[in-house]
Protein backbone atom coordinates (compact mmCIF):
# COMPACT_ATOMS: atom_id res chain seq x y z
CA MET A 1 4.75 -46.74 12.65
CA ARG A 2 7.85 -45.07 11.21
CA LEU A 3 5.95 -43.90 8.14
CA SER A 4 3.27 -42.25 10.29
CA HIS A 5 5.95 -40.30 12.18
CA LEU A 6 7.55 -39.20 8.91
CA GLY A 7 4.15 -38.18 7.58
CA LEU A 8 3.52 -36.17 10.75
CA ILE A 9 6.89 -34.43 10.49
CA ALA A 10 6.34 -33.69 6.82
CA THR A 11 2.91 -32.18 7.62
CA ILE A 12 4.37 -30.01 10.36
CA PHE A 13 7.09 -28.72 8.02
CA PHE A 14 4.53 -28.07 5.28
CA ALA A 15 2.28 -26.17 7.69
CA ALA A 16 5.22 -24.10 8.97
CA ALA A 17 6.24 -23.19 5.41
CA CYS A 18 2.65 -22.16 4.56
CA SER A 19 2.36 -20.04 7.69
CA ASN A 20 5.37 -17.95 6.59
CA GLN A 21 3.44 -16.84 3.51
CA PRO A 22 2.00 -13.36 3.95
CA GLY A 23 -1.79 -13.09 3.99
CA PRO A 24 -3.51 -11.58 0.93
CA PHE A 25 -4.17 -8.32 2.78
CA GLU A 26 -1.06 -8.03 4.97
CA ILE A 27 1.22 -4.97 4.55
CA SER A 28 4.90 -4.72 5.53
CA LYS A 29 7.89 -2.75 4.26
CA GLN A 30 8.65 -5.19 1.42
CA HIS A 31 5.25 -6.65 0.60
CA ILE A 32 1.56 -5.97 0.22
CA GLY A 33 -0.32 -9.28 0.22
CA HIS A 34 1.45 -11.47 -2.34
CA LEU A 35 3.15 -8.47 -4.05
CA THR A 36 6.79 -7.80 -3.12
CA ASP A 37 9.13 -4.99 -3.92
CA SER A 38 10.71 -7.25 -6.57
CA THR A 39 7.44 -8.37 -8.26
CA GLN A 40 7.51 -7.76 -11.98
CA VAL A 41 4.50 -6.53 -13.99
CA LYS A 42 4.43 -9.86 -15.88
CA ASP A 43 3.85 -11.70 -12.58
CA LEU A 44 0.59 -9.87 -11.81
CA GLU A 45 -1.57 -12.24 -13.89
CA ALA A 46 -0.57 -15.15 -11.65
CA ILE A 47 -0.85 -13.21 -8.36
CA TYR A 48 -4.25 -11.77 -9.22
CA ALA A 49 -5.63 -14.70 -11.24
CA LYS A 50 -9.00 -14.47 -9.44
CA ASP A 51 -9.22 -10.70 -9.76
CA SER A 52 -9.40 -8.21 -12.63
CA ILE A 53 -6.37 -6.28 -13.82
CA VAL A 54 -6.83 -3.07 -15.79
CA ARG A 55 -3.82 -1.70 -17.65
CA SER A 56 -3.28 1.29 -19.91
CA VAL A 57 -4.04 0.46 -23.56
CA SER A 58 -1.23 0.92 -26.02
CA GLY A 59 -1.79 4.20 -27.82
CA GLU A 60 -3.15 5.99 -24.74
CA GLU A 61 0.30 6.79 -23.41
CA PHE A 62 -0.37 10.53 -23.74
CA SER A 63 -3.89 10.60 -22.36
CA GLY A 64 -3.37 8.70 -19.11
CA ASN A 65 -0.62 7.29 -16.96
CA PRO A 66 0.79 4.28 -18.85
CA ASN A 67 2.56 3.15 -15.70
CA GLN A 68 -0.66 2.56 -13.70
CA ILE A 69 -2.26 -0.82 -13.28
CA GLU A 70 -5.53 -1.12 -11.36
CA ILE A 71 -6.56 -4.26 -9.44
CA PHE A 72 -10.27 -4.99 -8.91
CA GLU A 73 -12.00 -7.90 -7.21
CA LYS A 74 -14.20 -9.90 -9.57
CA GLY A 75 -17.23 -8.19 -7.94
CA GLY A 76 -15.91 -4.81 -9.08
CA LYS A 77 -14.44 -3.46 -5.81
CA LYS A 78 -11.18 -1.53 -6.38
CA LEU A 79 -8.32 -2.98 -4.34
CA LEU A 80 -5.11 -1.28 -5.48
CA THR A 81 -3.52 0.96 -8.05
CA LEU A 82 0.04 -0.05 -8.92
CA THR A 83 2.56 2.17 -10.56
CA ALA A 84 5.28 0.46 -12.56
CA LYS A 85 8.77 1.96 -12.57
CA ARG A 86 8.89 1.83 -16.40
CA ALA A 87 5.88 2.28 -18.67
CA LEU A 88 4.71 -0.57 -20.86
CA ASP A 89 7.54 -2.88 -19.71
CA SER A 90 6.51 -6.31 -18.49
CA THR A 91 9.84 -6.81 -16.66
CA SER A 92 9.44 -3.54 -14.70
CA THR A 93 8.93 -3.75 -10.96
CA ILE A 94 6.35 -1.85 -8.98
CA SER A 95 7.38 1.55 -7.63
CA SER A 96 4.30 2.51 -5.58
CA ILE A 97 0.94 1.17 -4.59
CA ARG A 98 -2.19 3.10 -3.62
CA ILE A 99 -4.33 1.10 -1.24
CA TYR A 100 -8.13 1.46 -1.51
CA ASP A 101 -9.53 -1.57 0.23
CA GLU A 102 -9.80 -1.37 4.06
CA ARG A 103 -8.91 -5.09 4.44
CA PHE A 104 -5.27 -4.30 3.63
CA LYS A 105 -3.68 -3.81 7.03
CA THR A 106 -0.16 -3.26 8.41
CA GLU A 107 1.08 -5.56 11.11
CA LYS A 108 0.22 -2.78 13.56
CA GLY A 109 -3.35 -2.51 12.33
CA ILE A 110 -3.26 0.58 10.11
CA THR A 111 -5.70 0.57 7.18
CA SER A 112 -7.04 3.13 4.68
CA ALA A 113 -9.83 3.76 7.23
CA SER A 114 -7.44 4.66 10.08
CA THR A 115 -7.02 8.11 11.61
CA PHE A 116 -3.92 10.25 12.30
CA LYS A 117 -3.99 9.08 15.93
CA ASP A 118 -3.78 5.49 14.81
CA ILE A 119 -0.69 6.30 12.75
CA LYS A 120 1.12 8.35 15.41
CA ASP A 121 0.29 5.77 18.13
CA HIS A 122 1.83 2.88 16.18
CA TYR A 123 4.60 4.39 14.04
CA LYS A 124 7.31 7.00 14.23
CA ILE A 125 6.39 9.80 11.84
CA SER A 126 9.38 10.53 9.60
CA ARG A 127 8.11 13.74 7.98
CA ILE A 128 5.02 15.84 7.28
CA SER A 129 4.81 17.63 3.92
CA ASN A 130 2.58 20.63 3.31
CA LEU A 131 0.86 20.50 -0.10
CA ILE A 132 -1.81 22.74 -1.60
CA ASN A 133 -4.92 20.84 -0.52
CA SER A 134 -3.46 18.15 1.70
CA ILE A 135 -0.62 17.12 3.98
CA VAL A 136 1.39 13.95 3.56
CA VAL A 137 2.53 12.00 6.64
CA GLY A 138 5.58 9.81 5.84
CA VAL A 139 6.42 6.66 7.82
CA ASP A 140 9.78 5.29 6.67
CA GLU A 141 9.43 2.17 8.85
CA ILE A 142 6.94 0.75 6.32
CA ASN A 143 7.71 2.95 3.24
CA ALA A 144 4.26 4.52 3.65
CA ALA A 145 2.78 7.91 2.88
CA PHE A 146 -0.63 8.86 4.26
CA THR A 147 -2.42 11.79 2.69
CA ILE A 148 -4.80 13.82 4.84
CA ASP A 149 -7.08 16.43 3.29
CA LYS A 150 -6.58 19.91 4.71
CA GLU A 151 -10.35 20.02 5.33
CA GLU A 152 -9.58 17.74 8.29
CA LEU A 153 -7.41 20.50 9.84
CA PRO A 154 -8.40 23.54 11.89
CA ALA A 155 -9.40 26.42 9.58
CA ASN A 156 -6.39 28.59 10.58
CA LEU A 157 -3.98 25.91 9.25
CA ARG A 158 -5.53 25.11 5.89
CA PHE A 159 -4.23 27.94 3.75
CA ASP A 160 -0.68 28.64 4.94
CA ARG A 161 1.53 26.86 2.37
CA ASN A 162 4.67 27.94 4.25
CA LEU A 163 3.66 26.39 7.56
CA LYS A 164 5.96 23.61 8.72
CA PHE A 165 3.51 21.09 10.07
CA GLU A 166 4.17 19.23 13.30
CA ALA A 167 2.22 16.25 14.59
CA THR A 168 0.59 18.49 17.19
CA HIS A 169 -1.09 20.54 14.39
CA ILE A 170 -3.05 17.56 13.13
CA PRO A 171 -6.24 16.51 14.98
CA ASP A 172 -6.25 12.91 16.25
CA ASP A 173 -9.48 12.20 14.39
CA ALA A 174 -8.21 13.38 11.00
CA LYS A 175 -9.04 10.68 8.47
CA ILE A 176 -6.67 9.25 5.88
CA LYS A 177 -7.65 10.25 2.37
CA TYR A 178 -5.00 8.18 0.53
CA PHE A 179 -2.63 5.43 1.70
CA PHE A 180 0.47 4.70 -0.38
CA ILE A 181 3.36 2.30 -0.11
CA ASN A 182 6.43 3.53 -2.04
CA TRP A 183 9.15 1.19 -3.16
CA SER A 184 10.76 3.54 -5.71
CA LYS A 185 13.24 5.27 -3.39
CA TYR A 186 14.08 2.42 -1.02
């Protein structure tokens, strides 16, 4: 009888410990799936053992970005592009992550398929940057940057590089073009 109670207690503790593990597509300020802001490049093989990892080939340092590492599912679907803080260094940590797959989701439900309205309804917008062909919406709460193509904006706002964008300038249905998590400056 005592052993069955001990077994039950051990099972409960084991289940509780497992439930604290982030899901493979969960995004927060310090993790994306099983990646954390302290994950080293050398750990990627274990984290993505069932997926494909594409790295820059030595000797191509001048033709591409030697810091970028792409993660694909075995079926070929692109999941993420990771940028290491230091090129060709297996002990380097990840500085930023571009999210492609719509299954990656913040705890408030934001994905790469979300709209500007989804972002502003769930997070405090920290800044909006005006670039040549896009605007970048920063959300410090989760270290995120959402890029929106200027084609999503009213025609009178697309070409003024000096315009200081406010949230009211951006249509609610503007789609996210790129979704980044940035750990390099935090």
